Amino acid sequence: MDGVRQFYARVDDESCKLDELCRLCKELRRRFKVQAAVVCNSSARVVEVAEEMRKRGLSAFGIHSGMGEREVELIKRSEQRSVIVTDHGCSKGARDVINFEMPLSPGDYFQRASKLRDQVTKVVISLVVGGQECELLDRVRSLYGVDIDLLPSQPKRPVL
């Protein structure tokens, strides 16, 4: 995962994740003009998150494993959107990944992060509540020898 910058953002509980996600996406778009891929663990969650993001005024669309290639291509061509919500890891063309839901294992985390290798900007941000999510980040750190830092825009009160 050389060259991939990794951060985590603390959230108080699951209900706060969407607020933090929308804040991050707006900041990435405003400051860096970046297209982000938001990763969830299921197709149903992809649909739910993309819809909620649109309700909050963000330009987002969902692409999930239950869709056919033709449907995915039609969605991609229909509009230029800034946020892709997916369950595939990272959709082609996305430059940053935000783990809305943490992967299930360190190997899954590595796969999501490493799909960015050929992109210009290489950032992974994980939204963590605590408990198992923090333990997973610790296991990723120790297994792969990577730094995962608190997102600079967050107060310096580390959870990990």
N, C-alpha and C. Protein backbone atom coordinates (compact mmCIF):
# COMPACT_ATOMS: atom_id res chain seq x y z
N MET A 1 0.83 -1.19 0.00
CA MET A 1 0.00 0.00 0.00
C MET A 1 0.88 1.26 0.00
N ASP A 2 2.05 1.13 -0.58
CA ASP A 2 2.94 2.29 -0.68
C ASP A 2 2.26 3.41 -1.45
N GLY A 3 2.40 4.61 -0.96
CA GLY A 3 1.84 5.78 -1.65
C GLY A 3 0.38 6.03 -1.37
N VAL A 4 -0.27 5.16 -0.61
CA VAL A 4 -1.68 5.37 -0.26
C VAL A 4 -1.72 5.98 1.13
N ARG A 5 -2.19 7.21 1.24
CA ARG A 5 -2.31 7.87 2.54
C ARG A 5 -3.60 7.40 3.19
N GLN A 6 -3.51 7.06 4.48
CA GLN A 6 -4.66 6.48 5.16
C GLN A 6 -4.96 7.25 6.45
N PHE A 7 -6.26 7.50 6.63
CA PHE A 7 -6.72 8.25 7.79
C PHE A 7 -7.97 7.58 8.34
N TYR A 8 -8.30 7.93 9.56
CA TYR A 8 -9.60 7.54 10.11
C TYR A 8 -10.26 8.78 10.68
N ALA A 9 -11.57 8.77 10.69
CA ALA A 9 -12.36 9.85 11.26
C ALA A 9 -13.26 9.23 12.33
N ARG A 10 -13.24 9.81 13.50
CA ARG A 10 -14.08 9.33 14.59
C ARG A 10 -15.50 9.84 14.43
N VAL A 11 -16.44 8.98 14.72
CA VAL A 11 -17.84 9.40 14.80
C VAL A 11 -18.39 8.85 16.12
N ASP A 12 -19.32 9.58 16.71
CA ASP A 12 -19.84 9.19 18.02
C ASP A 12 -20.62 7.89 18.00
N ASP A 13 -21.43 7.70 16.95
CA ASP A 13 -22.20 6.47 16.82
C ASP A 13 -22.62 6.31 15.36
N GLU A 14 -23.24 5.18 15.07
CA GLU A 14 -23.63 4.88 13.69
C GLU A 14 -24.51 5.97 13.08
N SER A 15 -25.36 6.58 13.88
CA SER A 15 -26.28 7.59 13.35
C SER A 15 -25.54 8.85 12.89
N CYS A 16 -24.32 9.05 13.35
CA CYS A 16 -23.53 10.24 12.96
C CYS A 16 -22.69 10.01 11.70
N LYS A 17 -22.58 8.76 11.25
CA LYS A 17 -21.72 8.47 10.11
C LYS A 17 -22.12 9.22 8.84
N LEU A 18 -23.41 9.28 8.57
CA LEU A 18 -23.85 9.96 7.35
C LEU A 18 -23.53 11.45 7.38
N ASP A 19 -23.69 12.08 8.54
CA ASP A 19 -23.34 13.50 8.67
C ASP A 19 -21.85 13.71 8.38
N GLU A 20 -21.01 12.87 8.97
CA GLU A 20 -19.56 13.00 8.76
C GLU A 20 -19.19 12.70 7.31
N LEU A 21 -19.83 11.70 6.72
CA LEU A 21 -19.58 11.36 5.33
C LEU A 21 -19.89 12.56 4.42
N CYS A 22 -21.03 13.16 4.61
CA CYS A 22 -21.42 14.31 3.77
C CYS A 22 -20.46 15.48 3.98
N ARG A 23 -20.04 15.72 5.21
CA ARG A 23 -19.08 16.78 5.48
C ARG A 23 -17.76 16.51 4.76
N LEU A 24 -17.28 15.28 4.84
CA LEU A 24 -16.02 14.91 4.17
C LEU A 24 -16.12 15.06 2.66
N CYS A 25 -17.21 14.58 2.08
CA CYS A 25 -17.38 14.65 0.63
C CYS A 25 -17.43 16.10 0.15
N LYS A 26 -18.13 16.95 0.89
CA LYS A 26 -18.18 18.37 0.52
C LYS A 26 -16.81 19.00 0.61
N GLU A 27 -16.05 18.66 1.65
CA GLU A 27 -14.71 19.21 1.82
C GLU A 27 -13.77 18.73 0.71
N LEU A 28 -13.83 17.44 0.40
CA LEU A 28 -12.98 16.91 -0.67
C LEU A 28 -13.28 17.58 -2.00
N ARG A 29 -14.57 17.77 -2.28
CA ARG A 29 -14.97 18.39 -3.54
C ARG A 29 -14.55 19.86 -3.59
N ARG A 30 -14.79 20.56 -2.50
CA ARG A 30 -14.50 22.00 -2.46
C ARG A 30 -12.99 22.27 -2.50
N ARG A 31 -12.24 21.58 -1.66
CA ARG A 31 -10.81 21.88 -1.52
C ARG A 31 -9.94 21.21 -2.58
N PHE A 32 -10.31 20.01 -2.98
CA PHE A 32 -9.42 19.24 -3.85
C PHE A 32 -10.02 18.85 -5.19
N LYS A 33 -11.30 19.17 -5.43
CA LYS A 33 -11.97 18.81 -6.69
C LYS A 33 -11.83 17.31 -6.97
N VAL A 34 -12.06 16.51 -5.94
CA VAL A 34 -11.83 15.07 -6.01
C VAL A 34 -13.14 14.31 -6.14
N GLN A 35 -13.10 13.24 -6.91
CA GLN A 35 -14.23 12.32 -6.99
C GLN A 35 -13.96 11.18 -6.01
N ALA A 36 -14.86 10.95 -5.09
CA ALA A 36 -14.66 9.93 -4.07
C ALA A 36 -15.53 8.72 -4.32
N ALA A 37 -15.04 7.57 -3.87
CA ALA A 37 -15.84 6.35 -3.85
C ALA A 37 -16.14 6.04 -2.40
N VAL A 38 -17.41 5.95 -2.07
CA VAL A 38 -17.84 5.61 -0.72
C VAL A 38 -18.17 4.13 -0.73
N VAL A 39 -17.55 3.38 0.18
CA VAL A 39 -17.70 1.92 0.13
C VAL A 39 -18.53 1.42 1.30
N CYS A 40 -19.54 0.62 0.94
CA CYS A 40 -20.42 -0.03 1.91
C CYS A 40 -20.24 -1.53 1.77
N ASN A 41 -20.81 -2.29 2.69
CA ASN A 41 -20.65 -3.74 2.66
C ASN A 41 -21.77 -4.50 1.97
N SER A 42 -22.84 -3.80 1.56
CA SER A 42 -23.94 -4.51 0.90
C SER A 42 -24.61 -3.62 -0.15
N SER A 43 -25.27 -4.25 -1.09
CA SER A 43 -26.00 -3.53 -2.14
C SER A 43 -27.11 -2.67 -1.54
N ALA A 44 -27.83 -3.21 -0.56
CA ALA A 44 -28.92 -2.46 0.05
C ALA A 44 -28.39 -1.19 0.72
N ARG A 45 -27.25 -1.30 1.37
CA ARG A 45 -26.66 -0.13 2.03
C ARG A 45 -26.19 0.91 1.00
N VAL A 46 -25.70 0.45 -0.14
CA VAL A 46 -25.29 1.36 -1.21
C VAL A 46 -26.47 2.23 -1.63
N VAL A 47 -27.59 1.60 -1.88
CA VAL A 47 -28.79 2.31 -2.32
C VAL A 47 -29.22 3.32 -1.25
N GLU A 48 -29.25 2.88 -0.01
CA GLU A 48 -29.67 3.73 1.10
C GLU A 48 -28.75 4.95 1.26
N VAL A 49 -27.44 4.74 1.26
CA VAL A 49 -26.49 5.84 1.46
C VAL A 49 -26.53 6.83 0.29
N ALA A 50 -26.56 6.33 -0.94
CA ALA A 50 -26.61 7.22 -2.11
C ALA A 50 -27.88 8.09 -2.06
N GLU A 51 -28.99 7.48 -1.71
CA GLU A 51 -30.25 8.23 -1.63
C GLU A 51 -30.19 9.30 -0.54
N GLU A 52 -29.68 8.96 0.62
CA GLU A 52 -29.56 9.92 1.71
C GLU A 52 -28.61 11.06 1.35
N MET A 53 -27.54 10.76 0.64
CA MET A 53 -26.59 11.80 0.23
C MET A 53 -27.27 12.77 -0.73
N ARG A 54 -28.06 12.23 -1.67
CA ARG A 54 -28.79 13.11 -2.61
C ARG A 54 -29.79 13.99 -1.87
N LYS A 55 -30.48 13.42 -0.87
CA LYS A 55 -31.42 14.21 -0.08
C LYS A 55 -30.73 15.37 0.62
N ARG A 56 -29.44 15.20 0.91
CA ARG A 56 -28.68 16.24 1.60
C ARG A 56 -27.95 17.17 0.62
N GLY A 57 -28.32 17.06 -0.65
CA GLY A 57 -27.79 17.99 -1.64
C GLY A 57 -26.47 17.61 -2.27
N LEU A 58 -25.99 16.40 -2.05
CA LEU A 58 -24.75 15.96 -2.68
C LEU A 58 -25.05 15.21 -3.98
N SER A 59 -24.18 15.37 -4.91
CA SER A 59 -24.30 14.69 -6.18
C SER A 59 -23.69 13.29 -6.02
N ALA A 60 -24.55 12.26 -5.90
CA ALA A 60 -24.07 10.91 -5.64
C ALA A 60 -24.90 9.89 -6.40
N PHE A 61 -24.28 8.79 -6.74
CA PHE A 61 -25.02 7.68 -7.34
C PHE A 61 -24.44 6.37 -6.85
N GLY A 62 -25.27 5.35 -6.85
CA GLY A 62 -24.87 4.04 -6.36
C GLY A 62 -24.62 3.05 -7.49
N ILE A 63 -23.55 2.31 -7.36
CA ILE A 63 -23.25 1.20 -8.26
C ILE A 63 -22.95 0.01 -7.36
N HIS A 64 -23.72 -1.06 -7.53
CA HIS A 64 -23.52 -2.21 -6.66
C HIS A 64 -23.49 -3.52 -7.44
N SER A 65 -23.11 -4.57 -6.75
CA SER A 65 -22.90 -5.87 -7.38
C SER A 65 -24.17 -6.48 -7.96
N GLY A 66 -25.33 -5.97 -7.59
CA GLY A 66 -26.58 -6.49 -8.13
C GLY A 66 -26.95 -5.90 -9.49
N MET A 67 -26.15 -4.98 -9.98
CA MET A 67 -26.44 -4.31 -11.27
C MET A 67 -25.67 -4.98 -12.40
N GLY A 68 -26.26 -4.94 -13.57
CA GLY A 68 -25.58 -5.44 -14.76
C GLY A 68 -24.64 -4.38 -15.33
N GLU A 69 -23.70 -4.80 -16.17
CA GLU A 69 -22.73 -3.88 -16.77
C GLU A 69 -23.41 -2.77 -17.56
N ARG A 70 -24.45 -3.12 -18.30
CA ARG A 70 -25.16 -2.12 -19.11
C ARG A 70 -25.77 -1.03 -18.22
N GLU A 71 -26.40 -1.44 -17.13
CA GLU A 71 -27.01 -0.49 -16.20
C GLU A 71 -25.95 0.43 -15.59
N VAL A 72 -24.81 -0.15 -15.22
CA VAL A 72 -23.72 0.64 -14.65
C VAL A 72 -23.22 1.67 -15.65
N GLU A 73 -23.03 1.28 -16.89
CA GLU A 73 -22.55 2.21 -17.92
C GLU A 73 -23.56 3.32 -18.18
N LEU A 74 -24.84 2.98 -18.19
CA LEU A 74 -25.87 4.01 -18.39
C LEU A 74 -25.84 5.04 -17.26
N ILE A 75 -25.69 4.58 -16.04
CA ILE A 75 -25.62 5.49 -14.90
C ILE A 75 -24.40 6.38 -15.02
N LYS A 76 -23.26 5.80 -15.33
CA LYS A 76 -22.03 6.57 -15.43
C LYS A 76 -22.12 7.64 -16.52
N ARG A 77 -22.78 7.31 -17.63
CA ARG A 77 -22.87 8.26 -18.75
C ARG A 77 -23.97 9.30 -18.57
N SER A 78 -24.98 8.98 -17.76
CA SER A 78 -26.14 9.86 -17.66
C SER A 78 -25.82 11.22 -17.05
N GLU A 79 -24.96 11.26 -16.07
CA GLU A 79 -24.63 12.52 -15.40
C GLU A 79 -23.23 12.44 -14.83
N GLN A 80 -22.60 13.60 -14.74
CA GLN A 80 -21.32 13.67 -14.04
C GLN A 80 -21.62 13.88 -12.57
N ARG A 81 -21.28 12.94 -11.77
CA ARG A 81 -21.52 13.02 -10.33
C ARG A 81 -20.18 13.04 -9.61
N SER A 82 -20.16 13.56 -8.42
CA SER A 82 -18.89 13.64 -7.71
C SER A 82 -18.64 12.47 -6.77
N VAL A 83 -19.68 11.76 -6.37
CA VAL A 83 -19.50 10.68 -5.40
C VAL A 83 -20.12 9.40 -5.93
N ILE A 84 -19.33 8.34 -5.89
CA ILE A 84 -19.79 7.00 -6.25
C ILE A 84 -19.96 6.23 -4.95
N VAL A 85 -21.12 5.66 -4.73
CA VAL A 85 -21.34 4.80 -3.57
C VAL A 85 -21.37 3.37 -4.11
N THR A 86 -20.55 2.50 -3.56
CA THR A 86 -20.39 1.18 -4.14
C THR A 86 -20.15 0.10 -3.09
N ASP A 87 -20.33 -1.13 -3.48
CA ASP A 87 -19.94 -2.25 -2.63
C ASP A 87 -18.80 -3.03 -3.27
N HIS A 88 -18.23 -2.50 -4.33
CA HIS A 88 -17.15 -3.18 -5.06
C HIS A 88 -15.75 -2.80 -4.59
N GLY A 89 -15.61 -1.91 -3.69
CA GLY A 89 -14.28 -1.43 -3.33
C GLY A 89 -14.05 -0.06 -3.89
N CYS A 90 -13.75 0.02 -5.16
CA CYS A 90 -13.50 1.34 -5.76
C CYS A 90 -13.90 1.30 -7.21
N SER A 91 -14.76 2.20 -7.60
CA SER A 91 -15.18 2.26 -8.98
C SER A 91 -14.12 2.99 -9.80
N LYS A 92 -13.91 2.55 -11.01
CA LYS A 92 -12.90 3.17 -11.86
C LYS A 92 -13.13 4.67 -11.99
N GLY A 93 -12.08 5.43 -11.84
CA GLY A 93 -12.18 6.87 -11.95
C GLY A 93 -12.23 7.58 -10.61
N ALA A 94 -12.52 6.86 -9.53
CA ALA A 94 -12.53 7.49 -8.21
C ALA A 94 -11.09 7.63 -7.74
N ARG A 95 -10.81 8.77 -7.10
CA ARG A 95 -9.44 9.01 -6.66
C ARG A 95 -9.24 8.83 -5.17
N ASP A 96 -10.28 8.83 -4.42
CA ASP A 96 -10.20 8.62 -2.98
C ASP A 96 -11.30 7.66 -2.55
N VAL A 97 -11.02 6.90 -1.50
CA VAL A 97 -11.99 5.94 -0.98
C VAL A 97 -12.34 6.34 0.44
N ILE A 98 -13.63 6.35 0.72
CA ILE A 98 -14.11 6.56 2.09
C ILE A 98 -14.84 5.28 2.50
N ASN A 99 -14.31 4.62 3.51
CA ASN A 99 -14.97 3.42 4.04
C ASN A 99 -16.11 3.87 4.94
N PHE A 100 -17.33 3.89 4.39
CA PHE A 100 -18.50 4.23 5.20
C PHE A 100 -18.73 3.11 6.20
N GLU A 101 -18.58 1.90 5.72
CA GLU A 101 -18.62 0.72 6.59
C GLU A 101 -17.25 0.06 6.48
N MET A 102 -16.69 -0.30 7.60
CA MET A 102 -15.38 -0.94 7.59
C MET A 102 -15.48 -2.30 6.92
N PRO A 103 -14.43 -2.67 6.19
CA PRO A 103 -14.40 -4.02 5.61
C PRO A 103 -14.45 -5.06 6.72
N LEU A 104 -14.70 -6.30 6.35
CA LEU A 104 -14.88 -7.35 7.35
C LEU A 104 -13.57 -7.93 7.86
N SER A 105 -12.47 -7.70 7.12
CA SER A 105 -11.19 -8.27 7.53
C SER A 105 -10.05 -7.36 7.06
N PRO A 106 -8.84 -7.53 7.62
CA PRO A 106 -7.70 -6.77 7.14
C PRO A 106 -7.43 -7.01 5.65
N GLY A 107 -7.64 -8.22 5.17
CA GLY A 107 -7.45 -8.52 3.75
C GLY A 107 -8.40 -7.72 2.87
N ASP A 108 -9.67 -7.60 3.31
CA ASP A 108 -10.65 -6.81 2.56
C ASP A 108 -10.26 -5.33 2.58
N TYR A 109 -9.75 -4.86 3.71
CA TYR A 109 -9.29 -3.47 3.80
C TYR A 109 -8.16 -3.23 2.80
N PHE A 110 -7.22 -4.15 2.76
CA PHE A 110 -6.08 -4.05 1.84
C PHE A 110 -6.56 -4.01 0.39
N GLN A 111 -7.53 -4.87 0.05
CA GLN A 111 -8.04 -4.89 -1.32
C GLN A 111 -8.67 -3.56 -1.70
N ARG A 112 -9.47 -2.97 -0.82
CA ARG A 112 -10.09 -1.68 -1.11
C ARG A 112 -9.03 -0.61 -1.32
N ALA A 113 -8.06 -0.57 -0.44
CA ALA A 113 -7.02 0.46 -0.52
C ALA A 113 -6.13 0.27 -1.74
N SER A 114 -5.80 -0.97 -2.07
CA SER A 114 -4.86 -1.20 -3.16
C SER A 114 -5.46 -1.00 -4.54
N LYS A 115 -6.78 -0.92 -4.64
CA LYS A 115 -7.41 -0.68 -5.94
C LYS A 115 -7.14 0.74 -6.42
N LEU A 116 -6.56 1.57 -5.57
CA LEU A 116 -6.27 2.96 -5.93
C LEU A 116 -4.92 3.13 -6.59
N ARG A 117 -4.12 2.10 -6.64
CA ARG A 117 -2.73 2.20 -7.09
C ARG A 117 -2.51 3.04 -8.35
N ASP A 118 -3.34 2.91 -9.36
CA ASP A 118 -3.12 3.61 -10.63
C ASP A 118 -3.74 5.01 -10.67
N GLN A 119 -4.30 5.47 -9.58
CA GLN A 119 -4.95 6.77 -9.57
C GLN A 119 -3.97 7.86 -9.12
N VAL A 120 -4.32 9.11 -9.38
CA VAL A 120 -3.46 10.24 -9.05
C VAL A 120 -3.44 10.50 -7.55
N THR A 121 -4.59 10.69 -6.95
CA THR A 121 -4.68 10.94 -5.52
C THR A 121 -4.96 9.62 -4.84
N LYS A 122 -4.23 9.32 -3.79
CA LYS A 122 -4.38 8.02 -3.16
C LYS A 122 -4.65 8.21 -1.68
N VAL A 123 -5.92 8.31 -1.32
CA VAL A 123 -6.29 8.52 0.07
C VAL A 123 -7.41 7.56 0.44
N VAL A 124 -7.29 6.96 1.61
CA VAL A 124 -8.35 6.13 2.17
C VAL A 124 -8.73 6.76 3.50
N ILE A 125 -10.01 7.03 3.68
CA ILE A 125 -10.52 7.55 4.95
C ILE A 125 -11.55 6.55 5.47
N SER A 126 -11.38 6.11 6.69
CA SER A 126 -12.31 5.17 7.30
C SER A 126 -13.08 5.86 8.41
N LEU A 127 -14.41 5.75 8.36
CA LEU A 127 -15.25 6.30 9.42
C LEU A 127 -15.40 5.22 10.49
N VAL A 128 -14.94 5.51 11.71
CA VAL A 128 -14.97 4.50 12.76
C VAL A 128 -15.75 4.99 13.97
N VAL A 129 -16.52 4.08 14.54
CA VAL A 129 -17.29 4.38 15.73
C VAL A 129 -16.49 3.94 16.96
N GLY A 130 -15.85 2.83 16.91
CA GLY A 130 -15.09 2.30 18.05
C GLY A 130 -15.15 0.79 18.02
N GLY A 131 -14.77 0.17 19.11
CA GLY A 131 -14.87 -1.28 19.26
C GLY A 131 -14.21 -2.07 18.14
N GLN A 132 -15.01 -2.86 17.44
CA GLN A 132 -14.49 -3.74 16.39
C GLN A 132 -13.83 -2.97 15.25
N GLU A 133 -14.36 -1.81 14.92
CA GLU A 133 -13.78 -1.02 13.82
C GLU A 133 -12.37 -0.56 14.17
N CYS A 134 -12.17 -0.12 15.40
CA CYS A 134 -10.84 0.29 15.84
C CYS A 134 -9.89 -0.91 15.89
N GLU A 135 -10.40 -2.04 16.35
CA GLU A 135 -9.58 -3.26 16.38
C GLU A 135 -9.14 -3.66 14.98
N LEU A 136 -10.03 -3.53 14.00
CA LEU A 136 -9.67 -3.86 12.61
C LEU A 136 -8.55 -2.94 12.12
N LEU A 137 -8.66 -1.64 12.39
CA LEU A 137 -7.60 -0.72 11.97
C LEU A 137 -6.27 -1.08 12.64
N ASP A 138 -6.31 -1.46 13.91
CA ASP A 138 -5.08 -1.88 14.59
C ASP A 138 -4.48 -3.12 13.94
N ARG A 139 -5.33 -4.07 13.55
CA ARG A 139 -4.83 -5.29 12.88
C ARG A 139 -4.23 -4.95 11.51
N VAL A 140 -4.86 -4.03 10.78
CA VAL A 140 -4.32 -3.61 9.48
C VAL A 140 -2.95 -2.96 9.69
N ARG A 141 -2.85 -2.10 10.69
CA ARG A 141 -1.57 -1.44 11.00
C ARG A 141 -0.47 -2.46 11.26
N SER A 142 -0.77 -3.43 12.10
CA SER A 142 0.28 -4.39 12.46
C SER A 142 0.58 -5.38 11.34
N LEU A 143 -0.43 -5.86 10.63
CA LEU A 143 -0.20 -6.83 9.55
C LEU A 143 0.55 -6.23 8.36
N TYR A 144 0.18 -5.00 7.98
CA TYR A 144 0.73 -4.41 6.77
C TYR A 144 1.76 -3.32 7.06
N GLY A 145 1.98 -3.01 8.34
CA GLY A 145 2.98 -2.00 8.70
C GLY A 145 2.68 -0.63 8.12
N VAL A 146 1.40 -0.22 8.18
CA VAL A 146 1.00 1.07 7.60
C VAL A 146 0.61 2.04 8.70
N ASP A 147 0.73 3.31 8.38
CA ASP A 147 0.26 4.37 9.28
C ASP A 147 -1.17 4.73 8.90
N ILE A 148 -2.04 4.77 9.88
CA ILE A 148 -3.41 5.23 9.69
C ILE A 148 -3.62 6.31 10.75
N ASP A 149 -3.63 7.55 10.30
CA ASP A 149 -3.64 8.69 11.20
C ASP A 149 -5.04 9.28 11.36
N LEU A 150 -5.22 9.98 12.48
CA LEU A 150 -6.46 10.72 12.68
C LEU A 150 -6.54 11.80 11.61
N LEU A 151 -7.68 11.93 10.99
CA LEU A 151 -7.89 12.94 9.96
C LEU A 151 -7.56 14.32 10.53
N PRO A 152 -6.73 15.11 9.86
CA PRO A 152 -6.31 16.41 10.40
C PRO A 152 -7.45 17.34 10.78
N SER A 153 -8.60 17.24 10.15
CA SER A 153 -9.71 18.14 10.44
C SER A 153 -10.46 17.75 11.72
N GLN A 154 -10.01 16.69 12.41
CA GLN A 154 -10.68 16.23 13.62
C GLN A 154 -9.91 16.65 14.86
N PRO A 155 -10.60 16.84 15.98
CA PRO A 155 -9.92 17.18 17.25
C PRO A 155 -8.92 16.07 17.62
N LYS A 156 -7.82 16.44 18.23
CA LYS A 156 -6.74 15.50 18.57
C LYS A 156 -7.05 14.67 19.81
N ARG A 157 -8.09 13.88 19.75
CA ARG A 157 -8.47 12.99 20.84
C ARG A 157 -8.57 11.58 20.28
N PRO A 158 -7.43 10.94 19.98
CA PRO A 158 -7.44 9.66 19.28
C PRO A 158 -8.25 8.57 19.98
N VAL A 159 -8.94 7.80 19.17
CA VAL A 159 -9.70 6.66 19.66
C VAL A 159 -8.79 5.44 19.67
N LEU A 160 -7.89 5.38 18.72
CA LEU A 160 -7.06 4.17 18.54
C LEU A 160 -5.86 4.15 19.42
